[in-house]
Protein backbone atom coordinates (compact mmCIF):
# COMPACT_ATOMS: atom_id res chain seq x y z
CA MET A 1 -14.41 -19.29 -14.97
CA ALA A 2 -12.51 -16.19 -14.83
CA ARG A 3 -10.67 -15.41 -11.48
CA VAL A 4 -11.95 -12.32 -9.59
CA ALA A 5 -9.59 -9.67 -8.16
CA LEU A 6 -10.72 -7.04 -5.50
CA ILE A 7 -8.51 -4.01 -5.32
CA THR A 8 -8.63 -1.00 -3.20
CA GLY A 9 -7.60 2.37 -3.83
CA THR A 10 -7.81 2.70 -7.61
CA SER A 11 -8.40 6.25 -8.25
CA SER A 12 -4.72 7.06 -9.25
CA GLY A 13 -1.18 5.74 -9.00
CA ILE A 14 -0.35 2.21 -8.12
CA GLY A 15 -4.00 1.22 -7.69
CA LEU A 16 -4.97 2.43 -11.13
CA ASP A 17 -2.30 0.68 -12.85
CA THR A 18 -2.93 -2.36 -11.26
CA ALA A 19 -6.41 -2.66 -11.81
CA VAL A 20 -5.88 -2.38 -15.50
CA HIS A 21 -2.95 -4.76 -15.60
CA LEU A 22 -4.98 -7.21 -13.55
CA ALA A 23 -7.93 -6.93 -16.07
CA GLN A 24 -5.16 -7.33 -19.05
CA ALA A 25 -4.07 -10.62 -17.17
CA GLY A 26 -7.58 -11.94 -17.54
CA PHE A 27 -9.13 -11.27 -14.18
CA HIS A 28 -12.67 -9.90 -13.74
CA THR A 29 -11.43 -6.75 -11.68
CA VAL A 30 -13.43 -5.18 -9.07
CA ALA A 31 -11.75 -1.85 -8.81
CA THR A 32 -12.74 0.14 -5.77
CA LEU A 33 -12.31 3.80 -4.64
CA ARG A 34 -13.69 6.04 -1.92
CA ASP A 35 -15.11 8.72 -4.23
CA PRO A 36 -16.62 7.44 -7.32
CA ALA A 37 -16.43 11.02 -8.61
CA ARG A 38 -12.60 10.48 -8.91
CA ALA A 39 -13.17 7.35 -11.32
CA ARG A 40 -12.72 9.43 -14.57
CA ALA A 41 -8.88 8.54 -14.97
CA LEU A 42 -9.65 5.00 -14.07
CA GLN A 43 -12.08 4.89 -16.57
CA GLU A 44 -10.17 6.31 -19.28
CA ARG A 45 -7.20 4.13 -18.74
CA ALA A 46 -9.34 1.09 -18.86
CA ARG A 47 -10.89 2.40 -22.27
CA ALA A 48 -7.55 2.91 -23.86
CA ALA A 49 -6.47 -0.53 -22.70
CA GLY A 50 -9.25 -2.26 -24.13
CA VAL A 51 -10.58 -3.88 -20.90
CA SER A 52 -13.66 -3.46 -18.66
CA LEU A 53 -13.75 -3.04 -14.88
CA ASP A 54 -16.38 -3.33 -12.19
CA ILE A 55 -15.90 0.03 -10.58
CA GLN A 56 -17.34 0.19 -6.99
CA PRO A 57 -17.23 2.53 -4.09
CA LEU A 58 -15.32 1.53 -0.90
CA ASP A 59 -14.19 3.32 2.14
CA VAL A 60 -11.74 1.05 3.83
CA ALA A 61 -11.96 3.11 6.92
CA SER A 62 -15.59 1.87 7.24
CA ASP A 63 -16.86 -1.22 8.52
CA ALA A 64 -20.20 -1.07 6.90
CA SER A 65 -18.46 0.09 3.54
CA VAL A 66 -16.27 -2.83 3.41
CA SER A 67 -18.97 -5.45 4.39
CA ALA A 68 -21.31 -3.97 1.63
CA CYS A 69 -18.60 -4.14 -0.95
CA VAL A 70 -17.16 -7.56 -0.23
CA ARG A 71 -21.02 -8.81 -0.05
CA GLY A 72 -21.75 -6.99 -3.51
CA VAL A 73 -18.87 -8.63 -5.04
CA LEU A 74 -19.85 -12.22 -4.16
CA GLU A 75 -23.36 -11.57 -5.20
CA ARG A 76 -22.28 -10.44 -8.81
CA HIS A 77 -19.07 -12.61 -9.09
CA GLY A 78 -19.71 -15.50 -6.55
CA ARG A 79 -16.00 -15.42 -5.70
CA ILE A 80 -12.98 -13.34 -4.69
CA ASP A 81 -9.58 -15.04 -5.63
CA VAL A 82 -7.37 -12.08 -5.31
CA LEU A 83 -7.43 -9.01 -2.81
CA VAL A 84 -4.92 -6.30 -3.36
CA ASN A 85 -4.81 -4.21 -0.34
CA ASN A 86 -3.52 -0.68 -1.98
CA ALA A 87 -5.46 2.00 -0.33
CA GLY A 88 -3.20 4.24 1.49
CA ALA A 89 -2.67 7.56 3.13
CA GLY A 90 0.64 9.50 3.79
CA PHE A 91 1.53 11.86 6.18
CA LEU A 92 4.85 13.85 6.81
CA GLY A 93 5.79 15.05 10.41
CA THR A 94 7.64 13.85 13.45
CA LEU A 95 6.29 13.13 16.97
CA GLU A 96 5.74 16.79 18.32
CA GLN A 97 4.10 17.59 14.75
CA THR A 98 1.32 14.64 14.85
CA SER A 99 -1.72 14.91 16.58
CA LEU A 100 -3.28 11.96 18.00
CA GLU A 101 -6.18 12.66 15.59
CA ALA A 102 -3.67 12.72 12.61
CA LEU A 103 -1.94 9.47 13.95
CA ARG A 104 -5.64 7.87 14.18
CA SER A 105 -6.35 9.01 10.68
CA VAL A 106 -3.26 7.47 9.27
CA MET A 107 -3.69 4.17 11.05
CA GLU A 108 -7.17 4.04 10.12
CA VAL A 109 -6.55 3.78 6.45
CA ASN A 110 -3.00 2.20 6.41
CA PHE A 111 -3.06 -0.54 9.01
CA PHE A 112 -6.93 -0.85 10.04
CA GLY A 113 -8.24 -0.74 6.45
CA VAL A 114 -5.80 -3.80 5.60
CA TRP A 115 -7.06 -5.42 8.77
CA ARG A 116 -10.89 -4.78 7.59
CA MET A 117 -10.41 -5.96 4.12
CA THR A 118 -8.29 -9.02 5.04
CA GLN A 119 -10.72 -10.10 7.58
CA ALA A 120 -13.81 -9.67 5.28
CA VAL A 121 -12.27 -11.87 2.50
CA PHE A 122 -10.55 -14.26 4.38
CA PRO A 123 -13.63 -16.75 5.29
CA VAL A 124 -14.58 -16.71 1.54
CA MET A 125 -10.80 -17.88 0.64
CA ARG A 126 -10.72 -20.47 3.63
CA GLU A 127 -13.94 -22.04 2.31
CA ALA A 128 -12.63 -22.14 -1.27
CA LYS A 129 -9.25 -23.36 0.04
CA SER A 130 -7.53 -20.98 -2.19
CA GLY A 131 -6.94 -17.11 -2.59
CA ARG A 132 -4.07 -14.48 -2.77
CA ILE A 133 -4.06 -11.63 -0.40
CA ILE A 134 -1.58 -8.94 -1.72
CA THR A 135 -0.80 -5.94 0.43
CA VAL A 136 1.06 -2.94 -0.78
CA THR A 137 3.21 -1.83 2.31
CA SER A 138 6.47 0.23 1.96
CA VAL A 139 10.06 0.11 2.26
CA GLY A 140 8.71 2.19 5.19
CA GLY A 141 7.17 -0.85 6.73
CA LEU A 142 10.77 -2.34 7.07
CA VAL A 143 12.82 0.72 7.80
CA GLY A 144 11.83 3.65 9.89
CA GLN A 145 12.57 7.16 8.33
CA PRO A 146 12.64 10.72 9.50
CA PHE A 147 9.39 12.66 9.56
CA ASN A 148 7.37 9.44 8.86
CA ASP A 149 6.68 8.67 12.44
CA ALA A 150 2.90 7.70 11.87
CA TYR A 151 3.35 6.45 8.43
CA CYS A 152 6.07 3.91 9.24
CA ALA A 153 4.20 2.79 12.56
CA ALA A 154 1.26 1.95 10.27
CA LYS A 155 3.29 0.16 7.59
CA PHE A 156 5.17 -1.65 10.34
CA ALA A 157 1.98 -2.83 11.78
CA CYS A 158 0.90 -4.09 8.43
CA GLU A 159 4.09 -6.15 8.06
CA GLY A 160 3.88 -7.65 11.63
CA PHE A 161 0.05 -8.39 11.36
CA LEU A 162 0.60 -10.45 7.78
CA GLU A 163 3.99 -11.98 8.89
CA SER A 164 2.10 -13.41 11.78
CA LEU A 165 -0.97 -14.42 9.73
CA ALA A 166 1.05 -15.90 6.61
CA PRO A 167 1.76 -19.37 8.10
CA VAL A 168 -1.62 -20.04 9.23
CA ALA A 169 -2.86 -18.64 5.79
CA ARG A 170 -0.79 -21.08 3.81
CA THR A 171 -2.17 -24.17 5.73
CA LEU A 172 -5.55 -23.17 4.57
CA GLY A 173 -4.77 -22.51 1.05
CA ILE A 174 -4.33 -18.89 1.11
CA HIS A 175 -0.84 -17.20 -0.11
CA LEU A 176 -0.12 -13.70 1.61
CA SER A 177 2.25 -11.36 -0.29
CA ASN A 178 3.67 -7.92 0.56
CA ILE A 179 4.81 -5.47 -1.98
CA GLU A 180 7.32 -3.11 -0.48
CA PRO A 181 7.88 -0.15 -2.93
CA GLY A 182 10.55 2.67 -2.29
CA PRO A 183 10.28 5.76 -4.17
CA VAL A 184 7.28 5.96 -6.59
CA ASN A 185 6.29 8.83 -8.88
CA THR A 186 2.58 8.97 -8.46
CA GLU A 187 0.07 11.20 -7.05
CA PHE A 188 0.26 9.92 -3.69
CA VAL A 189 3.65 11.66 -3.20
CA THR A 190 2.22 15.12 -4.52
CA HIS A 191 -0.81 14.58 -1.93
CA VAL A 192 1.59 14.10 0.81
CA LYS A 193 3.70 17.21 -0.11
CA ALA A 194 0.72 19.18 0.02
CA LYS A 195 -0.46 18.26 3.26
CA ILE A 196 2.75 19.90 4.68
CA SER A 197 2.35 23.63 3.74
CA GLY A 198 -0.64 24.02 6.08
CA GLN A 199 0.51 21.42 8.78
CA PRO A 200 0.78 22.98 12.29
CA SER A 201 4.44 22.58 13.40
CA PRO A 202 5.18 23.02 17.31
CA GLY A 203 8.87 23.52 17.73
CA ASP A 204 9.24 24.90 14.19
CA ALA A 205 12.67 26.24 14.76
CA HIS A 206 13.96 23.04 15.70
CA TYR A 207 12.29 20.88 12.87
CA GLN A 208 12.12 22.92 9.99
CA PRO A 209 15.45 23.02 9.07
CA LEU A 210 15.72 19.17 9.39
CA LEU A 211 12.60 18.59 7.23
CA GLU A 212 14.26 20.82 4.60
CA ARG A 213 17.24 18.81 4.57
CA TYR A 214 15.23 15.60 4.66
CA MET A 215 13.08 16.71 1.71
CA ALA A 216 16.11 17.82 -0.41
CA GLY A 217 17.53 14.22 0.05
CA SER A 218 14.09 12.75 -0.74
CA ALA A 219 13.83 14.86 -4.07
CA ALA A 220 17.36 13.30 -5.18
CA VAL A 221 16.21 9.60 -4.44
CA TYR A 222 12.87 10.32 -6.40
CA GLN A 223 14.98 11.13 -9.41
CA HIS A 224 15.43 7.35 -9.49
CA ALA A 225 11.90 6.30 -8.59
CA GLN A 226 9.84 3.60 -10.13
CA THR A 227 6.47 4.17 -11.86
CA GLY A 228 3.06 2.84 -10.71
CA GLU A 229 3.17 0.35 -13.71
CA ASP A 230 6.46 -0.85 -12.35
CA ILE A 231 4.60 -1.94 -9.19
CA ALA A 232 1.75 -3.08 -10.67
CA ARG A 233 3.47 -5.75 -12.88
CA ILE A 234 4.99 -7.11 -9.62
CA ILE A 235 1.49 -7.30 -8.23
CA VAL A 236 0.27 -9.21 -11.34
CA GLU A 237 3.30 -11.66 -10.68
CA ALA A 238 2.37 -12.16 -7.06
CA ALA A 239 -1.26 -12.86 -8.31
CA THR A 240 -0.43 -15.39 -11.00
CA VAL A 241 2.84 -17.21 -10.23
CA PRO A 242 2.41 -20.74 -8.69
CA GLU A 243 4.06 -20.05 -5.59
CA PRO A 244 4.23 -16.43 -4.60
CA HIS A 245 6.83 -14.86 -2.30
CA PHE A 246 5.96 -13.60 1.05
CA ARG A 247 7.86 -10.27 0.39
CA TYR A 248 8.47 -8.48 -2.78
CA ALA A 249 11.18 -5.70 -2.39
CA THR A 250 10.36 -3.82 -5.68
CA SER A 251 13.91 -2.27 -6.28
CA ASP A 252 17.62 -2.49 -5.57
CA LEU A 253 17.31 0.58 -3.55
CA VAL A 254 14.58 -1.15 -1.28
CA ARG A 255 16.90 -4.40 -0.96
CA GLN A 256 20.03 -2.23 -0.13
CA VAL A 257 18.29 -0.44 2.59
CA ALA A 258 16.33 -3.40 3.95
CA GLY A 259 19.55 -5.50 3.93
CA ARG A 260 21.36 -2.61 6.01
CA LYS A 261 18.92 -3.67 8.83
CA TYR A 262 18.89 -7.37 8.57
CA THR A 263 22.82 -7.44 8.62
CA ASP A 264 23.25 -5.02 11.69
CA LEU A 265 21.14 -6.42 14.61
CA THR A 266 22.11 -3.42 16.85
CA GLY A 267 20.29 -0.89 14.46
CA ASP A 268 23.11 1.63 14.60
CA ALA A 269 24.06 1.49 11.05
CA LEU A 270 20.40 2.22 10.07
CA VAL A 271 19.77 5.17 12.39
CA ASN A 272 23.17 6.53 11.31
CA MET A 273 22.43 6.36 7.58
CA MET A 274 18.83 7.94 7.93
CA GLY A 275 20.37 10.64 10.33
CA ALA A 276 22.92 11.50 7.47
CA ARG A 277 19.98 12.70 5.39
CA LEU A 278 19.38 15.62 8.12
CA LYS A 279 22.75 16.88 8.03
């Protein structure tokens, strides 16, 4: 019987590429997205790749939607072998530029969405005594970055939650893996940039020059960014190897930045490094 993979956030980018690659790897792939009207690109890629997908609506910020989706997958396929938590929302703004409403919105998708999905499939995998839960976090879940206060807070929360759960899960036959990309050229970045222009900015005179310097530095970094397919291949590896790692840093850049944190327990070197991008 073919294994069943359920993946969130497949309308574009990493999620779209991963859905297609999982199907090519032999999984019955349930590709979910919040707005079914945005499924055209996914359908076209699947046709071009010669694979079929079970495309379903899912809002990871809704308890009812998550429950209905998981229940439907079990009714149609009878099992869930792999969950890929990919759905995410970006946000740029430092503390004074981030309302509590905006913070809650970022946390709802990036953290509580992961919690909901993991909690929904965990009993299924526990009963089966096997399963993989793969979560796309970020280098921003390991290292705080200027103007990413809310986003990094959510990704740090995911890292802490899953690192705590992983030892317990493994005793039950369930493997957890975190995929930690750095810069990736996808529509996700475009959507985040689009939010900046209309964003109220208290203290703009203080923050705007810093943000401009940060964005200029980020643009240089993105010249060496990975693609969604690069990350998809790593996700498929985590879904198929006999003993998956807990963490997959997806590039040398991520390993270099994260290594700076692990080798300097004072945190000073990392703060200085990130601060240099604002000068």
